[in-house]
Amino acid sequence: MGTDATEFTRLMERFQAGDPAAIAALYAEFGGVVREAVRRRLPDRLRKEYDSLDFAHDVWASFCDLPAGKNHFSNPEDLGGFLSQVAHNKVIDVCRRRFNTQGYDVNREQPLVRAADGAEIPILSPQPSPSQWAIAGERWATIAATLPAHHVVVIERLREGFTQQEVADMAGITDRTVRRIVDRVRELCEDDS
């Protein structure tokens, strides 16, 4: 702590008087102490859910809400110890809630899918998302506007899931003609991108 006892006493008096500059100075001086206390005590299992700054803000809110007679600290070390203990208590409260209650117990949480080595596998749908469907639909409409009508019919049947041979039989054309139409559309798609 870089503040001597006299400066610290004046700073605390200004803080108790509600001086915003004093609050900022205390935060600048002791913010690292609070963050370090939180980081030291926050279990790895909860780090993905909680940020140390969230706890730090709670600590400072608790400190600022203390009644005037309760926040008398004779030196910077006393205040640092107090803030560190408040941070410890805030983390402990969350740990109790997240590890010891049935409804929020982090130990009961399981990823939906795991690989053979135990690593989590993100769940991705094999189906396109709604936005991907919309983008594909818009792109197809743009391309279809440049094609002859009988080409559009062939491609529409393919998009519906029919095989090239089934489309050829429906349209009364050869399988080779269907492949040429598909190749033409691919060229248009490549030119479009």
Foldseek 3Di string as FASTA:
>chain_A
DPDWQVRVVVLLVCVLVVPPVSLVVCCVVQVVLLLVLLVVQADPLCCVPDDSVVLSVVLSVVQSPDPSVPPDDRGPVRVSVVSSVSSNVSNVVVCCVQCPDPVRPSVPDDAPDADPVGHHDDDDDPDDDPVVVVVVVVVLVVLVVVDDPLLNQLVVVVVVPDDLCVSCVVSVHDSVVSVVSVVVSVVVVVVVD
